[in-house]
N, C-alpha and C. Protein backbone atom coordinates (compact mmCIF):
# COMPACT_ATOMS: atom_id res chain seq x y z
N MET A 1 19.01 -5.11 -20.18
CA MET A 1 17.54 -5.15 -19.69
C MET A 1 17.55 -4.66 -18.15
N LYS A 2 16.59 -3.91 -17.95
CA LYS A 2 16.49 -3.31 -16.52
C LYS A 2 15.99 -4.51 -15.57
N LYS A 3 16.53 -4.47 -14.35
CA LYS A 3 16.12 -5.52 -13.48
C LYS A 3 15.50 -4.74 -12.37
N ILE A 4 14.47 -5.44 -11.96
CA ILE A 4 13.68 -4.78 -10.78
C ILE A 4 13.60 -5.78 -9.71
N ILE A 5 14.01 -5.56 -8.53
CA ILE A 5 13.81 -6.50 -7.39
C ILE A 5 12.83 -5.89 -6.50
N VAL A 6 11.61 -6.64 -6.33
CA VAL A 6 10.51 -6.12 -5.64
C VAL A 6 10.40 -6.95 -4.29
N TYR A 7 10.22 -6.28 -3.31
CA TYR A 7 9.83 -7.13 -1.99
C TYR A 7 8.89 -6.14 -1.27
N PHE A 8 8.17 -6.67 -0.56
CA PHE A 8 7.07 -6.04 0.26
C PHE A 8 7.19 -6.07 1.72
N LEU A 9 7.08 -5.05 2.49
CA LEU A 9 7.04 -5.14 3.84
C LEU A 9 5.68 -4.53 4.26
N PHE A 10 5.17 -5.11 5.45
CA PHE A 10 3.92 -4.54 5.91
C PHE A 10 4.32 -3.90 7.26
N LEU A 11 3.50 -2.77 7.52
CA LEU A 11 3.70 -2.02 8.82
C LEU A 11 3.45 -3.08 10.10
N CYS A 12 4.06 -2.82 11.07
CA CYS A 12 4.08 -3.64 12.28
C CYS A 12 3.11 -3.04 13.40
N ALA A 13 2.92 -1.84 13.49
CA ALA A 13 2.13 -1.28 14.42
C ALA A 13 0.68 -1.23 14.20
N PHE A 14 -0.05 -1.49 15.18
CA PHE A 14 -1.52 -1.44 15.06
C PHE A 14 -2.08 -0.04 15.43
N GLN A 15 -2.85 0.59 14.65
CA GLN A 15 -3.60 1.78 15.03
C GLN A 15 -4.87 1.66 15.63
N ASN A 16 -5.10 2.07 16.79
CA ASN A 16 -6.35 1.86 17.41
C ASN A 16 -7.49 2.91 16.68
N ALA A 17 -8.69 2.42 16.70
CA ALA A 17 -9.83 3.19 16.14
C ALA A 17 -9.93 4.47 17.01
N GLN A 18 -10.19 5.49 16.35
CA GLN A 18 -10.58 6.91 17.07
C GLN A 18 -12.05 6.91 17.34
N SER A 19 -12.38 7.38 18.41
CA SER A 19 -13.71 7.56 18.82
C SER A 19 -14.15 8.99 18.88
N GLN A 20 -15.40 9.21 18.81
CA GLN A 20 -15.83 10.81 18.83
C GLN A 20 -15.56 11.23 20.25
N THR A 21 -15.17 12.50 20.42
CA THR A 21 -14.97 12.97 21.84
C THR A 21 -16.22 13.72 22.18
N ASP A 22 -17.10 14.09 21.41
CA ASP A 22 -18.29 14.99 21.84
C ASP A 22 -19.49 14.04 22.05
N SER A 23 -19.79 13.89 23.37
CA SER A 23 -20.78 12.95 23.77
C SER A 23 -22.05 13.30 23.57
N SER A 24 -22.39 14.61 23.03
CA SER A 24 -23.63 15.16 22.72
C SER A 24 -24.07 14.57 21.43
N LYS A 25 -23.11 14.22 20.53
CA LYS A 25 -23.60 13.85 19.21
C LYS A 25 -23.55 12.20 19.21
N PRO A 26 -24.33 11.56 18.45
CA PRO A 26 -24.46 10.14 18.44
C PRO A 26 -23.35 9.51 17.86
N GLN A 27 -22.84 8.43 18.33
CA GLN A 27 -21.70 7.70 17.78
C GLN A 27 -21.99 7.29 16.45
N SER A 28 -21.02 7.42 15.44
CA SER A 28 -21.24 7.01 13.87
C SER A 28 -20.85 5.63 13.93
N SER A 29 -21.70 4.88 13.16
CA SER A 29 -21.33 3.41 13.09
C SER A 29 -20.25 3.27 11.99
N GLU A 30 -19.87 4.49 11.26
CA GLU A 30 -18.87 4.46 10.19
C GLU A 30 -17.49 4.63 10.71
N ASP A 31 -16.61 3.60 10.52
CA ASP A 31 -15.33 3.61 11.06
C ASP A 31 -14.40 3.94 9.96
N ASN A 32 -13.94 5.19 9.96
CA ASN A 32 -12.88 5.56 8.93
C ASN A 32 -11.49 5.58 9.33
N SER A 33 -11.27 4.90 10.47
CA SER A 33 -9.88 4.79 10.93
C SER A 33 -9.07 3.94 10.10
N ILE A 34 -7.71 4.09 10.09
CA ILE A 34 -6.83 3.44 9.17
C ILE A 34 -6.10 2.38 10.09
N TYR A 35 -6.40 1.13 9.80
CA TYR A 35 -5.54 0.11 10.61
C TYR A 35 -4.38 -0.34 9.92
N ASN A 36 -3.45 -0.87 10.50
CA ASN A 36 -2.26 -1.57 9.96
C ASN A 36 -2.53 -3.02 9.77
N SER A 37 -1.71 -3.77 9.08
CA SER A 37 -2.09 -5.15 8.67
C SER A 37 -1.79 -6.06 9.99
N ALA A 38 -0.80 -5.53 10.88
CA ALA A 38 -0.66 -6.35 12.15
C ALA A 38 -1.91 -6.17 13.01
N GLY A 39 -2.44 -7.21 13.53
CA GLY A 39 -3.59 -7.05 14.43
C GLY A 39 -4.92 -7.07 13.67
N ILE A 40 -4.92 -7.02 12.29
CA ILE A 40 -6.20 -7.04 11.52
C ILE A 40 -6.74 -8.46 11.55
N GLU A 41 -8.04 -8.75 11.84
CA GLU A 41 -8.47 -10.07 11.77
C GLU A 41 -8.44 -10.66 10.43
N VAL A 42 -8.93 -9.96 9.38
CA VAL A 42 -8.95 -10.43 8.04
C VAL A 42 -8.17 -9.33 7.27
N LYS A 43 -6.92 -9.73 6.69
CA LYS A 43 -5.94 -8.90 6.05
C LYS A 43 -6.69 -8.71 4.59
N PRO A 44 -6.32 -7.53 4.04
CA PRO A 44 -6.75 -7.25 2.69
C PRO A 44 -6.01 -8.21 1.69
N GLU A 45 -6.64 -8.46 0.55
CA GLU A 45 -6.02 -9.57 -0.23
C GLU A 45 -6.20 -9.13 -1.80
N PHE A 46 -5.08 -9.15 -2.52
CA PHE A 46 -5.07 -8.90 -3.79
C PHE A 46 -5.57 -10.20 -4.63
N LYS A 47 -6.46 -9.96 -5.60
CA LYS A 47 -6.95 -11.08 -6.24
C LYS A 47 -5.78 -12.01 -6.76
N GLY A 48 -5.80 -13.26 -6.28
CA GLY A 48 -4.76 -14.25 -6.65
C GLY A 48 -3.55 -14.27 -5.63
N GLY A 49 -3.67 -13.42 -4.61
CA GLY A 49 -2.72 -13.52 -3.60
C GLY A 49 -1.48 -12.55 -3.78
N LEU A 50 -0.64 -12.48 -2.82
CA LEU A 50 0.43 -11.54 -2.87
C LEU A 50 1.35 -11.73 -3.99
N SER A 51 1.52 -13.09 -4.43
CA SER A 51 2.54 -13.37 -5.48
C SER A 51 1.91 -12.72 -6.82
N LYS A 52 0.64 -12.60 -7.00
CA LYS A 52 0.11 -11.94 -8.09
C LYS A 52 0.35 -10.47 -8.13
N PHE A 53 0.11 -9.97 -6.76
CA PHE A 53 0.45 -8.48 -6.58
C PHE A 53 1.97 -8.27 -7.04
N TYR A 54 2.87 -9.01 -6.60
CA TYR A 54 4.27 -9.00 -6.88
C TYR A 54 4.58 -8.97 -8.38
N THR A 55 3.80 -9.74 -9.04
CA THR A 55 3.83 -10.01 -10.45
C THR A 55 3.31 -8.73 -11.26
N TYR A 56 2.23 -8.22 -10.73
CA TYR A 56 1.71 -6.94 -11.29
C TYR A 56 2.59 -5.84 -11.07
N ILE A 57 3.42 -5.59 -9.90
CA ILE A 57 4.30 -4.64 -9.81
C ILE A 57 5.47 -4.74 -10.71
N ILE A 58 6.01 -5.98 -10.79
CA ILE A 58 7.17 -6.24 -11.67
C ILE A 58 6.96 -6.09 -13.21
N LYS A 59 5.71 -6.35 -13.49
CA LYS A 59 5.33 -6.30 -15.01
C LYS A 59 5.11 -4.71 -15.41
N ASN A 60 4.69 -4.01 -14.28
CA ASN A 60 4.15 -2.55 -14.71
C ASN A 60 5.05 -1.48 -14.23
N TYR A 61 6.02 -1.75 -13.30
CA TYR A 61 6.93 -0.79 -12.92
C TYR A 61 8.08 -0.61 -13.85
N ARG A 62 8.26 0.57 -14.36
CA ARG A 62 9.31 0.95 -15.30
C ARG A 62 10.42 1.73 -14.52
N SER A 63 11.56 1.07 -14.37
CA SER A 63 12.58 1.67 -13.61
C SER A 63 13.27 2.66 -14.46
N PRO A 64 13.78 3.78 -13.86
CA PRO A 64 14.45 4.91 -14.66
C PRO A 64 15.44 4.34 -15.51
N ASP A 65 15.69 4.98 -16.63
CA ASP A 65 16.73 4.61 -17.62
C ASP A 65 18.18 5.42 -17.32
N VAL A 66 18.67 4.91 -16.12
CA VAL A 66 19.81 5.43 -15.64
C VAL A 66 20.67 4.25 -15.34
N PRO A 67 21.84 4.21 -16.06
CA PRO A 67 22.69 3.07 -15.87
C PRO A 67 23.32 2.91 -14.42
N GLY A 68 23.39 1.92 -13.88
CA GLY A 68 24.00 1.67 -12.47
C GLY A 68 23.23 2.29 -11.33
N LEU A 69 21.90 2.54 -11.61
CA LEU A 69 21.17 3.05 -10.54
C LEU A 69 20.75 2.09 -9.46
N LYS A 70 21.00 2.30 -8.31
CA LYS A 70 20.73 1.27 -7.21
C LYS A 70 20.23 2.00 -6.08
N GLY A 71 19.07 1.50 -5.48
CA GLY A 71 18.43 2.12 -4.43
C GLY A 71 17.13 1.52 -4.17
N GLN A 72 16.28 2.34 -3.33
CA GLN A 72 14.98 1.82 -2.91
C GLN A 72 13.99 2.96 -2.87
N VAL A 73 12.86 2.71 -3.36
CA VAL A 73 11.65 3.61 -3.23
C VAL A 73 10.79 3.01 -2.25
N LEU A 74 10.35 3.93 -1.22
CA LEU A 74 9.38 3.30 -0.20
C LEU A 74 8.06 4.24 -0.37
N VAL A 75 7.02 3.31 -0.48
CA VAL A 75 5.64 3.98 -0.74
C VAL A 75 4.61 3.53 0.38
N SER A 76 4.00 4.47 0.89
CA SER A 76 2.77 3.84 1.77
C SER A 76 1.65 4.16 1.08
N PHE A 77 0.50 3.36 1.38
CA PHE A 77 -0.73 3.42 0.66
C PHE A 77 -1.71 2.84 1.63
N VAL A 78 -3.02 3.22 1.30
CA VAL A 78 -4.13 2.70 2.07
C VAL A 78 -5.15 1.81 1.09
N ILE A 79 -5.49 0.79 1.56
CA ILE A 79 -6.56 -0.04 0.93
C ILE A 79 -7.84 0.33 1.49
N GLU A 80 -8.73 0.91 0.64
CA GLU A 80 -10.13 1.38 1.20
C GLU A 80 -10.92 0.29 1.41
N LYS A 81 -12.14 0.67 1.94
CA LYS A 81 -13.30 -0.38 2.28
C LYS A 81 -13.67 -1.02 0.89
N ASP A 82 -13.60 -0.16 -0.25
CA ASP A 82 -14.15 -0.90 -1.61
C ASP A 82 -12.91 -1.51 -2.24
N GLY A 83 -11.69 -1.65 -1.67
CA GLY A 83 -10.60 -2.34 -2.24
C GLY A 83 -9.72 -1.43 -3.04
N SER A 84 -10.10 -0.25 -3.19
CA SER A 84 -9.25 0.69 -4.01
C SER A 84 -7.96 1.08 -3.04
N ILE A 85 -7.06 1.63 -4.12
CA ILE A 85 -5.82 2.15 -3.23
C ILE A 85 -5.79 3.66 -3.35
N THR A 86 -5.59 4.12 -2.07
CA THR A 86 -5.59 5.80 -1.93
C THR A 86 -4.44 6.23 -1.08
N ASP A 87 -4.33 7.50 -0.83
CA ASP A 87 -3.33 8.09 0.12
C ASP A 87 -1.96 7.50 -0.19
N ILE A 88 -1.69 7.50 -1.41
CA ILE A 88 -0.23 6.99 -1.92
C ILE A 88 0.72 8.16 -1.60
N LYS A 89 1.73 7.78 -0.82
CA LYS A 89 2.68 8.78 -0.49
C LYS A 89 4.11 8.09 -0.65
N VAL A 90 5.10 8.74 -1.36
CA VAL A 90 6.36 8.45 -1.41
C VAL A 90 7.07 8.81 -0.21
N LEU A 91 7.67 7.86 0.58
CA LEU A 91 8.48 8.16 1.76
C LEU A 91 9.98 8.30 1.49
N LYS A 92 10.32 7.55 0.45
CA LYS A 92 11.84 7.55 0.17
C LYS A 92 11.85 7.47 -1.34
N ASP A 93 12.81 8.14 -1.95
CA ASP A 93 12.88 8.09 -3.50
C ASP A 93 14.40 8.20 -3.80
N VAL A 94 14.71 7.38 -5.01
CA VAL A 94 16.05 7.61 -5.42
C VAL A 94 16.17 8.48 -6.71
N GLY A 95 15.05 9.25 -7.01
CA GLY A 95 15.14 10.23 -7.96
C GLY A 95 14.82 9.69 -9.30
N TYR A 96 14.93 10.48 -10.34
CA TYR A 96 14.96 10.13 -11.73
C TYR A 96 13.43 9.67 -12.12
N GLY A 97 12.45 10.14 -11.29
CA GLY A 97 11.08 9.73 -11.58
C GLY A 97 10.66 8.44 -10.91
N SER A 98 11.46 7.78 -10.15
CA SER A 98 11.19 6.59 -9.52
C SER A 98 10.02 6.56 -8.71
N GLY A 99 9.80 7.58 -7.85
CA GLY A 99 8.64 7.68 -6.91
C GLY A 99 7.36 8.01 -7.65
N GLU A 100 7.50 8.81 -8.67
CA GLU A 100 6.33 9.01 -9.49
C GLU A 100 5.84 7.77 -10.15
N GLU A 101 6.83 7.03 -10.70
CA GLU A 101 6.33 5.67 -11.24
C GLU A 101 5.71 4.82 -10.33
N ALA A 102 6.14 4.77 -9.02
CA ALA A 102 5.53 3.84 -8.16
C ALA A 102 4.05 4.30 -7.87
N ILE A 103 3.88 5.65 -7.84
CA ILE A 103 2.53 6.16 -7.76
C ILE A 103 1.65 5.72 -8.83
N ARG A 104 2.15 5.93 -10.14
CA ARG A 104 1.46 5.67 -11.33
C ARG A 104 0.99 4.11 -11.25
N VAL A 105 1.88 3.28 -10.95
CA VAL A 105 1.66 1.74 -10.94
C VAL A 105 0.42 1.52 -9.82
N LEU A 106 0.66 2.09 -8.73
CA LEU A 106 -0.30 1.85 -7.71
C LEU A 106 -1.66 2.45 -7.94
N LYS A 107 -1.72 3.57 -8.57
CA LYS A 107 -2.93 4.24 -9.10
C LYS A 107 -3.77 3.35 -10.15
N ASN A 108 -2.98 2.53 -10.81
CA ASN A 108 -3.74 1.82 -11.83
C ASN A 108 -3.84 0.26 -11.41
N CYS A 109 -3.63 0.13 -10.03
CA CYS A 109 -3.76 -1.39 -9.53
C CYS A 109 -5.13 -1.79 -9.49
N PRO A 110 -5.38 -3.01 -9.77
CA PRO A 110 -6.72 -3.59 -9.55
C PRO A 110 -7.14 -3.56 -8.11
N LYS A 111 -8.47 -3.61 -7.87
CA LYS A 111 -8.96 -3.42 -6.53
C LYS A 111 -8.63 -4.79 -5.76
N TRP A 112 -8.48 -4.69 -4.42
CA TRP A 112 -8.18 -5.71 -3.55
C TRP A 112 -9.45 -6.14 -2.90
N THR A 113 -9.48 -7.21 -2.19
CA THR A 113 -10.49 -7.55 -1.19
C THR A 113 -10.09 -6.87 0.05
N PRO A 114 -10.98 -5.92 0.65
CA PRO A 114 -10.60 -5.22 1.67
C PRO A 114 -10.45 -5.99 3.00
N ALA A 115 -9.73 -5.21 3.96
CA ALA A 115 -9.60 -5.92 5.43
C ALA A 115 -10.88 -5.83 6.08
N GLU A 116 -11.04 -6.77 7.26
CA GLU A 116 -12.01 -6.70 8.04
C GLU A 116 -11.57 -6.72 9.56
N GLN A 117 -12.34 -6.03 10.47
CA GLN A 117 -11.99 -6.05 11.74
C GLN A 117 -13.33 -6.03 12.54
N ASN A 118 -13.54 -6.94 13.50
CA ASN A 118 -14.90 -7.10 14.18
C ASN A 118 -16.05 -7.23 13.26
N GLY A 119 -15.81 -8.00 12.11
CA GLY A 119 -16.90 -8.30 11.31
C GLY A 119 -17.27 -7.13 10.17
N LYS A 120 -16.52 -5.93 10.31
CA LYS A 120 -16.72 -4.95 9.52
C LYS A 120 -15.52 -4.60 8.55
N THR A 121 -15.86 -4.16 7.34
CA THR A 121 -14.86 -3.83 6.43
C THR A 121 -14.10 -2.49 6.99
N VAL A 122 -12.67 -2.51 6.94
CA VAL A 122 -12.02 -1.43 7.44
C VAL A 122 -10.93 -1.04 6.39
N ARG A 123 -10.34 0.30 6.51
CA ARG A 123 -9.35 0.73 5.75
C ARG A 123 -7.99 0.13 6.41
N CYS A 124 -6.97 -0.13 5.45
CA CYS A 124 -5.80 -0.72 6.01
C CYS A 124 -4.56 -0.10 5.32
N GLN A 125 -3.57 0.25 6.06
CA GLN A 125 -2.40 0.75 5.44
C GLN A 125 -1.30 -0.21 5.27
N PHE A 126 -0.41 -0.08 4.19
CA PHE A 126 0.74 -0.78 3.82
C PHE A 126 1.75 0.10 3.56
N MET A 127 3.00 -0.56 3.54
CA MET A 127 4.19 0.09 3.11
C MET A 127 4.79 -0.78 2.04
N LEU A 128 5.25 -0.22 0.85
CA LEU A 128 5.85 -0.95 -0.11
C LEU A 128 7.21 -0.43 -0.63
N PRO A 129 8.23 -1.19 -0.20
CA PRO A 129 9.52 -0.87 -0.69
C PRO A 129 9.81 -1.54 -2.02
N ILE A 130 10.39 -0.74 -2.85
CA ILE A 130 10.77 -1.26 -4.25
C ILE A 130 12.19 -0.99 -4.47
N ALA A 131 12.96 -2.13 -4.50
CA ALA A 131 14.38 -2.06 -4.76
C ALA A 131 14.61 -1.90 -6.07
N ILE A 132 15.56 -1.03 -6.55
CA ILE A 132 15.75 -0.74 -7.97
C ILE A 132 17.25 -1.11 -8.19
N GLN A 133 17.46 -1.71 -9.34
CA GLN A 133 18.96 -1.93 -9.63
C GLN A 133 18.90 -1.98 -11.29
N THR A 134 19.64 -1.05 -11.86
CA THR A 134 19.77 -1.20 -13.25
C THR A 134 21.19 -1.46 -13.68
N PRO A 135 21.25 -2.04 -14.85
CA PRO A 135 22.67 -2.45 -15.26
C PRO A 135 23.44 -1.21 -15.57
């Protein structure tokens, strides 16, 4: 049976909001900056907490059918203001479709409760490492 060891890391750097540089245009109240979880006042939350998110990943991620495969897939993604996951990018891949599988699982992930900064809902970026070890 395939074994999947899943653990999660969150980005540590805080990205500052970008402001408009053209002073002739009115400032937009819409903040589309992407924040990291460090420094966010209210972090995004998966329904049931992170342990439920871990369970979701473990139940839905299918590791490649390659005996003795050992490695890590690293994926970044953004939790949008509506709680959906977008901007999924594979940063590190062990091959055999492992990165594509991570994208598939995250695209089908239930919505989160979005992050908040200064009383407003904001976009928040996360990184997800998935350690893979097959027998």
